[in-house]
Amino acid sequence: SSFRGIVLAADEGIAIAKALGQKKAAL
């Protein structure tokens, strides 16, 4: 739920990967 709108920012990708954790899907 923390999407900031800049998908090309490295920190955004890292935050998404962290939120995904070991799960197979993310909204």
PDB file of all heavy atoms in Angstrom:
ATOM      1  N   SER A   1       0.805  -1.227   0.000  1.00  0.00           N
ATOM      2  CA  SER A   1       0.000   0.000   0.000  1.00  0.00           C
ATOM      3  C   SER A   1       0.836   1.275   0.000  1.00  0.00           C
ATOM      4  O   SER A   1       0.289   2.363   0.121  1.00  0.00           O
ATOM      5  CB  SER A   1      -0.938   0.001   1.215  1.00  0.00           C
ATOM      6  OG  SER A   1      -0.185  -0.091   2.404  1.00  0.00           O
ATOM      7  N   SER A   2       2.140   1.140  -0.174  1.00  0.00           N
ATOM      8  CA  SER A   2       3.018   2.314  -0.093  1.00  0.00           C
ATOM      9  C   SER A   2       3.507   2.792  -1.449  1.00  0.00           C
ATOM     10  O   SER A   2       4.499   3.507  -1.526  1.00  0.00           O
ATOM     11  CB  SER A   2       4.232   1.981   0.782  1.00  0.00           C
ATOM     12  OG  SER A   2       3.822   1.587   2.064  1.00  0.00           O
ATOM     13  N   PHE A   3       2.846   2.418  -2.530  1.00  0.00           N
ATOM     14  CA  PHE A   3       3.299   2.797  -3.866  1.00  0.00           C
ATOM     15  C   PHE A   3       3.345   4.313  -4.002  1.00  0.00           C
ATOM     16  O   PHE A   3       2.382   5.008  -3.722  1.00  0.00           O
ATOM     17  CB  PHE A   3       2.367   2.190  -4.927  1.00  0.00           C
ATOM     18  CG  PHE A   3       2.762   2.533  -6.333  1.00  0.00           C
ATOM     19  CD1 PHE A   3       3.982   2.124  -6.838  1.00  0.00           C
ATOM     20  CD2 PHE A   3       1.928   3.267  -7.143  1.00  0.00           C
ATOM     21  CE1 PHE A   3       4.347   2.437  -8.137  1.00  0.00           C
ATOM     22  CE2 PHE A   3       2.281   3.584  -8.434  1.00  0.00           C
ATOM     23  CZ  PHE A   3       3.493   3.173  -8.934  1.00  0.00           C
ATOM     24  N   ARG A   4       4.503   4.808  -4.438  1.00  0.00           N
ATOM     25  CA  ARG A   4       4.709   6.251  -4.552  1.00  0.00           C
ATOM     26  C   ARG A   4       4.665   6.745  -5.987  1.00  0.00           C
ATOM     27  O   ARG A   4       4.864   7.923  -6.247  1.00  0.00           O
ATOM     28  CB  ARG A   4       6.027   6.640  -3.901  1.00  0.00           C
ATOM     29  CG  ARG A   4       5.990   6.422  -2.389  1.00  0.00           C
ATOM     30  CD  ARG A   4       7.351   6.588  -1.815  1.00  0.00           C
ATOM     31  NE  ARG A   4       8.162   5.486  -2.330  1.00  0.00           N
ATOM     32  CZ  ARG A   4       9.160   4.922  -1.692  1.00  0.00           C
ATOM     33  NH1 ARG A   4       9.524   5.370  -0.530  1.00  0.00           N
ATOM     34  NH2 ARG A   4       9.828   3.918  -2.214  1.00  0.00           N
ATOM     35  N   GLY A   5       4.471   5.826  -6.940  1.00  0.00           N
ATOM     36  CA  GLY A   5       4.278   6.245  -8.323  1.00  0.00           C
ATOM     37  C   GLY A   5       5.510   6.283  -9.195  1.00  0.00           C
ATOM     38  O   GLY A   5       5.406   6.548 -10.383  1.00  0.00           O
ATOM     39  N   ILE A   6       6.684   6.021  -8.657  1.00  0.00           N
ATOM     40  CA  ILE A   6       7.911   6.072  -9.463  1.00  0.00           C
ATOM     41  C   ILE A   6       8.474   4.660  -9.562  1.00  0.00           C
ATOM     42  O   ILE A   6       9.255   4.219  -8.722  1.00  0.00           O
ATOM     43  CB  ILE A   6       8.950   7.043  -8.864  1.00  0.00           C
ATOM     44  CG1 ILE A   6       8.321   8.423  -8.682  1.00  0.00           C
ATOM     45  CG2 ILE A   6      10.182   7.112  -9.754  1.00  0.00           C
ATOM     46  CD1 ILE A   6       9.192   9.419  -7.974  1.00  0.00           C
ATOM     47  N   VAL A   7       8.049   3.935 -10.598  1.00  0.00           N
ATOM     48  CA  VAL A   7       8.428   2.523 -10.707  1.00  0.00           C
ATOM     49  C   VAL A   7       9.881   2.333 -11.110  1.00  0.00           C
ATOM     50  O   VAL A   7      10.429   1.247 -10.954  1.00  0.00           O
ATOM     51  CB  VAL A   7       7.523   1.765 -11.693  1.00  0.00           C
ATOM     52  CG1 VAL A   7       6.102   1.720 -11.181  1.00  0.00           C
ATOM     53  CG2 VAL A   7       7.592   2.365 -13.083  1.00  0.00           C
ATOM     54  N   LEU A   8      10.527   3.346 -11.631  1.00  0.00           N
ATOM     55  CA  LEU A   8      11.921   3.211 -12.030  1.00  0.00           C
ATOM     56  C   LEU A   8      12.894   3.550 -10.905  1.00  0.00           C
ATOM     57  O   LEU A   8      14.096   3.496 -11.087  1.00  0.00           O
ATOM     58  CB  LEU A   8      12.212   4.070 -13.267  1.00  0.00           C
ATOM     59  CG  LEU A   8      11.425   3.668 -14.521  1.00  0.00           C
ATOM     60  CD1 LEU A   8      11.758   4.589 -15.673  1.00  0.00           C
ATOM     61  CD2 LEU A   8      11.678   2.219 -14.885  1.00  0.00           C
ATOM     62  N   ALA A   9      12.380   3.890  -9.745  1.00  0.00           N
ATOM     63  CA  ALA A   9      13.234   4.175  -8.597  1.00  0.00           C
ATOM     64  C   ALA A   9      13.640   2.856  -7.933  1.00  0.00           C
ATOM     65  O   ALA A   9      12.796   2.011  -7.657  1.00  0.00           O
ATOM     66  CB  ALA A   9      12.505   5.069  -7.598  1.00  0.00           C
ATOM     67  N   ALA A  10      14.936   2.697  -7.689  1.00  0.00           N
ATOM     68  CA  ALA A  10      15.448   1.450  -7.099  1.00  0.00           C
ATOM     69  C   ALA A  10      14.815   1.176  -5.742  1.00  0.00           C
ATOM     70  O   ALA A  10      14.478   0.029  -5.425  1.00  0.00           O
ATOM     71  CB  ALA A  10      16.967   1.518  -6.978  1.00  0.00           C
ATOM     72  N   ASP A  11      14.626   2.219  -4.938  1.00  0.00           N
ATOM     73  CA  ASP A  11      14.071   2.001  -3.598  1.00  0.00           C
ATOM     74  C   ASP A  11      12.619   1.531  -3.645  1.00  0.00           C
ATOM     75  O   ASP A  11      12.164   0.790  -2.774  1.00  0.00           O
ATOM     76  CB  ASP A  11      14.216   3.243  -2.718  1.00  0.00           C
ATOM     77  CG  ASP A  11      13.523   4.468  -3.270  1.00  0.00           C
ATOM     78  OD1 ASP A  11      13.346   4.570  -4.494  1.00  0.00           O
ATOM     79  OD2 ASP A  11      13.169   5.351  -2.464  1.00  0.00           O
ATOM     80  N   GLU A  12      11.880   1.907  -4.688  1.00  0.00           N
ATOM     81  CA  GLU A  12      10.499   1.442  -4.831  1.00  0.00           C
ATOM     82  C   GLU A  12      10.481  -0.061  -5.106  1.00  0.00           C
ATOM     83  O   GLU A  12       9.711  -0.804  -4.502  1.00  0.00           O
ATOM     84  CB  GLU A  12       9.781   2.177  -5.971  1.00  0.00           C
ATOM     85  CG  GLU A  12       8.319   1.847  -6.091  1.00  0.00           C
ATOM     86  CD  GLU A  12       7.479   2.432  -4.966  1.00  0.00           C
ATOM     87  OE1 GLU A  12       7.851   3.472  -4.396  1.00  0.00           O
ATOM     88  OE2 GLU A  12       6.448   1.831  -4.657  1.00  0.00           O
ATOM     89  N   GLY A  13      11.344  -0.528  -5.988  1.00  0.00           N
ATOM     90  CA  GLY A  13      11.442  -1.956  -6.271  1.00  0.00           C
ATOM     91  C   GLY A  13      11.851  -2.758  -5.046  1.00  0.00           C
ATOM     92  O   GLY A  13      11.296  -3.830  -4.775  1.00  0.00           O
ATOM     93  N   ILE A  14      12.783  -2.249  -4.290  1.00  0.00           N
ATOM     94  CA  ILE A  14      13.241  -2.925  -3.073  1.00  0.00           C
ATOM     95  C   ILE A  14      12.107  -3.003  -2.049  1.00  0.00           C
ATOM     96  O   ILE A  14      11.909  -4.031  -1.405  1.00  0.00           O
ATOM     97  CB  ILE A  14      14.479  -2.207  -2.487  1.00  0.00           C
ATOM     98  CG1 ILE A  14      15.673  -2.400  -3.431  1.00  0.00           C
ATOM     99  CG2 ILE A  14      14.808  -2.700  -1.087  1.00  0.00           C
ATOM    100  CD1 ILE A  14      16.853  -1.495  -3.134  1.00  0.00           C
ATOM    101  N   ALA A  15      11.338  -1.928  -1.922  1.00  0.00           N
ATOM    102  CA  ALA A  15      10.215  -1.919  -0.978  1.00  0.00           C
ATOM    103  C   ALA A  15       9.136  -2.922  -1.395  1.00  0.00           C
ATOM    104  O   ALA A  15       8.551  -3.608  -0.546  1.00  0.00           O
ATOM    105  CB  ALA A  15       9.627  -0.511  -0.877  1.00  0.00           C
ATOM    106  N   ILE A  16       8.878  -3.039  -2.683  1.00  0.00           N
ATOM    107  CA  ILE A  16       7.896  -4.006  -3.177  1.00  0.00           C
ATOM    108  C   ILE A  16       8.387  -5.421  -2.917  1.00  0.00           C
ATOM    109  O   ILE A  16       7.635  -6.276  -2.444  1.00  0.00           O
ATOM    110  CB  ILE A  16       7.591  -3.778  -4.669  1.00  0.00           C
ATOM    111  CG1 ILE A  16       6.809  -2.468  -4.836  1.00  0.00           C
ATOM    112  CG2 ILE A  16       6.839  -4.955  -5.277  1.00  0.00           C
ATOM    113  CD1 ILE A  16       6.638  -2.009  -6.266  1.00  0.00           C
ATOM    114  N   ALA A  17       9.658  -5.691  -3.209  1.00  0.00           N
ATOM    115  CA  ALA A  17      10.224  -7.023  -2.959  1.00  0.00           C
ATOM    116  C   ALA A  17      10.159  -7.370  -1.478  1.00  0.00           C
ATOM    117  O   ALA A  17       9.861  -8.517  -1.115  1.00  0.00           O
ATOM    118  CB  ALA A  17      11.663  -7.086  -3.460  1.00  0.00           C
ATOM    119  N   LYS A  18      10.411  -6.403  -0.626  1.00  0.00           N
ATOM    120  CA  LYS A  18      10.336  -6.639   0.822  1.00  0.00           C
ATOM    121  C   LYS A  18       8.909  -6.950   1.247  1.00  0.00           C
ATOM    122  O   LYS A  18       8.667  -7.856   2.038  1.00  0.00           O
ATOM    123  CB  LYS A  18      10.870  -5.421   1.580  1.00  0.00           C
ATOM    124  CG  LYS A  18      10.901  -5.612   3.076  1.00  0.00           C
ATOM    125  CD  LYS A  18      11.506  -4.403   3.770  1.00  0.00           C
ATOM    126  CE  LYS A  18      11.500  -4.616   5.275  1.00  0.00           C
ATOM    127  NZ  LYS A  18      12.039  -3.459   5.981  1.00  0.00           N
ATOM    128  N   ALA A  19       7.941  -6.215   0.703  1.00  0.00           N
ATOM    129  CA  ALA A  19       6.535  -6.460   1.035  1.00  0.00           C
ATOM    130  C   ALA A  19       6.086  -7.829   0.524  1.00  0.00           C
ATOM    131  O   ALA A  19       5.324  -8.526   1.190  1.00  0.00           O
ATOM    132  CB  ALA A  19       5.660  -5.365   0.435  1.00  0.00           C
ATOM    133  N   LEU A  20       6.575  -8.226  -0.641  1.00  0.00           N
ATOM    134  CA  LEU A  20       6.247  -9.535  -1.203  1.00  0.00           C
ATOM    135  C   LEU A  20       6.775 -10.650  -0.315  1.00  0.00           C
ATOM    136  O   LEU A  20       6.090 -11.649  -0.083  1.00  0.00           O
ATOM    137  CB  LEU A  20       6.822  -9.670  -2.617  1.00  0.00           C
ATOM    138  CG  LEU A  20       6.648 -11.020  -3.311  1.00  0.00           C
ATOM    139  CD1 LEU A  20       5.178 -11.306  -3.586  1.00  0.00           C
ATOM    140  CD2 LEU A  20       7.457 -11.043  -4.605  1.00  0.00           C
ATOM    141  N   GLY A  21       7.968 -10.462   0.219  1.00  0.00           N
ATOM    142  CA  GLY A  21       8.569 -11.482   1.072  1.00  0.00           C
ATOM    143  C   GLY A  21       8.672 -12.813   0.357  1.00  0.00           C
ATOM    144  O   GLY A  21       9.120 -12.875  -0.773  1.00  0.00           O
ATOM    145  N   GLN A  22       8.215 -13.875   0.992  1.00  0.00           N
ATOM    146  CA  GLN A  22       8.271 -15.219   0.406  1.00  0.00           C
ATOM    147  C   GLN A  22       6.954 -15.617  -0.260  1.00  0.00           C
ATOM    148  O   GLN A  22       6.771 -16.771  -0.632  1.00  0.00           O
ATOM    149  CB  GLN A  22       8.647 -16.235   1.486  1.00  0.00           C
ATOM    150  CG  GLN A  22      10.049 -16.051   2.046  1.00  0.00           C
ATOM    151  CD  GLN A  22      11.101 -16.176   0.952  1.00  0.00           C
ATOM    152  OE1 GLN A  22      11.136 -17.149   0.208  1.00  0.00           O
ATOM    153  NE2 GLN A  22      11.947 -15.170   0.835  1.00  0.00           N
ATOM    154  N   LYS A  23       6.060 -14.668  -0.437  1.00  0.00           N
ATOM    155  CA  LYS A  23       4.755 -14.962  -1.032  1.00  0.00           C
ATOM    156  C   LYS A  23       4.853 -15.038  -2.555  1.00  0.00           C
ATOM    157  O   LYS A  23       5.827 -14.590  -3.143  1.00  0.00           O
ATOM    158  CB  LYS A  23       3.748 -13.912  -0.597  1.00  0.00           C
ATOM    159  CG  LYS A  23       3.545 -13.902   0.922  1.00  0.00           C
ATOM    160  CD  LYS A  23       2.540 -12.881   1.342  1.00  0.00           C
ATOM    161  CE  LYS A  23       2.369 -12.733   2.827  1.00  0.00           C
ATOM    162  NZ  LYS A  23       2.299 -13.882   3.633  1.00  0.00           N
ATOM    163  N   LYS A  24       3.819 -15.613  -3.193  1.00  0.00           N
ATOM    164  CA  LYS A  24       3.832 -15.781  -4.642  1.00  0.00           C
ATOM    165  C   LYS A  24       3.126 -14.653  -5.388  1.00  0.00           C
ATOM    166  O   LYS A  24       3.189 -14.589  -6.607  1.00  0.00           O
ATOM    167  CB  LYS A  24       3.216 -17.122  -5.031  1.00  0.00           C
ATOM    168  CG  LYS A  24       1.730 -17.257  -4.752  1.00  0.00           C
ATOM    169  CD  LYS A  24       1.222 -18.622  -5.168  1.00  0.00           C
ATOM    170  CE  LYS A  24      -0.144 -18.895  -4.599  1.00  0.00           C
ATOM    171  NZ  LYS A  24      -0.278 -20.284  -4.197  1.00  0.00           N
ATOM    172  N   ALA A  25       2.457 -13.767  -4.661  1.00  0.00           N
ATOM    173  CA  ALA A  25       1.713 -12.704  -5.329  1.00  0.00           C
ATOM    174  C   ALA A  25       1.638 -11.457  -4.460  1.00  0.00           C
ATOM    175  O   ALA A  25       1.770 -11.525  -3.241  1.00  0.00           O
ATOM    176  CB  ALA A  25       0.297 -13.184  -5.650  1.00  0.00           C
ATOM    177  N   ALA A  26       1.435 -10.334  -5.137  1.00  0.00           N
ATOM    178  CA  ALA A  26       1.247  -9.066  -4.426  1.00  0.00           C
ATOM    179  C   ALA A  26       0.239  -8.210  -5.161  1.00  0.00           C
ATOM    180  O   ALA A  26       0.201  -8.186  -6.399  1.00  0.00           O
ATOM    181  CB  ALA A  26       2.568  -8.312  -4.294  1.00  0.00           C
ATOM    182  N   LEU A  27      -0.577  -7.533  -4.388  1.00  0.00           N
ATOM    183  CA  LEU A  27      -1.481  -6.509  -4.903  1.00  0.00           C
ATOM    184  C   LEU A  27      -0.786  -5.175  -4.658  1.00  0.00           C
ATOM    185  O   LEU A  27      -0.505  -4.819  -3.512  1.00  0.00           O
ATOM    186  CB  LEU A  27      -2.816  -6.547  -4.154  1.00  0.00           C
ATOM    187  CG  LEU A  27      -3.569  -7.877  -4.187  1.00  0.00           C
ATOM    188  CD1 LEU A  27      -4.745  -7.846  -3.208  1.00  0.00           C
ATOM    189  CD2 LEU A  27      -4.032  -8.190  -5.583  1.00  0.00           C
TER     190      LEU A  27
END
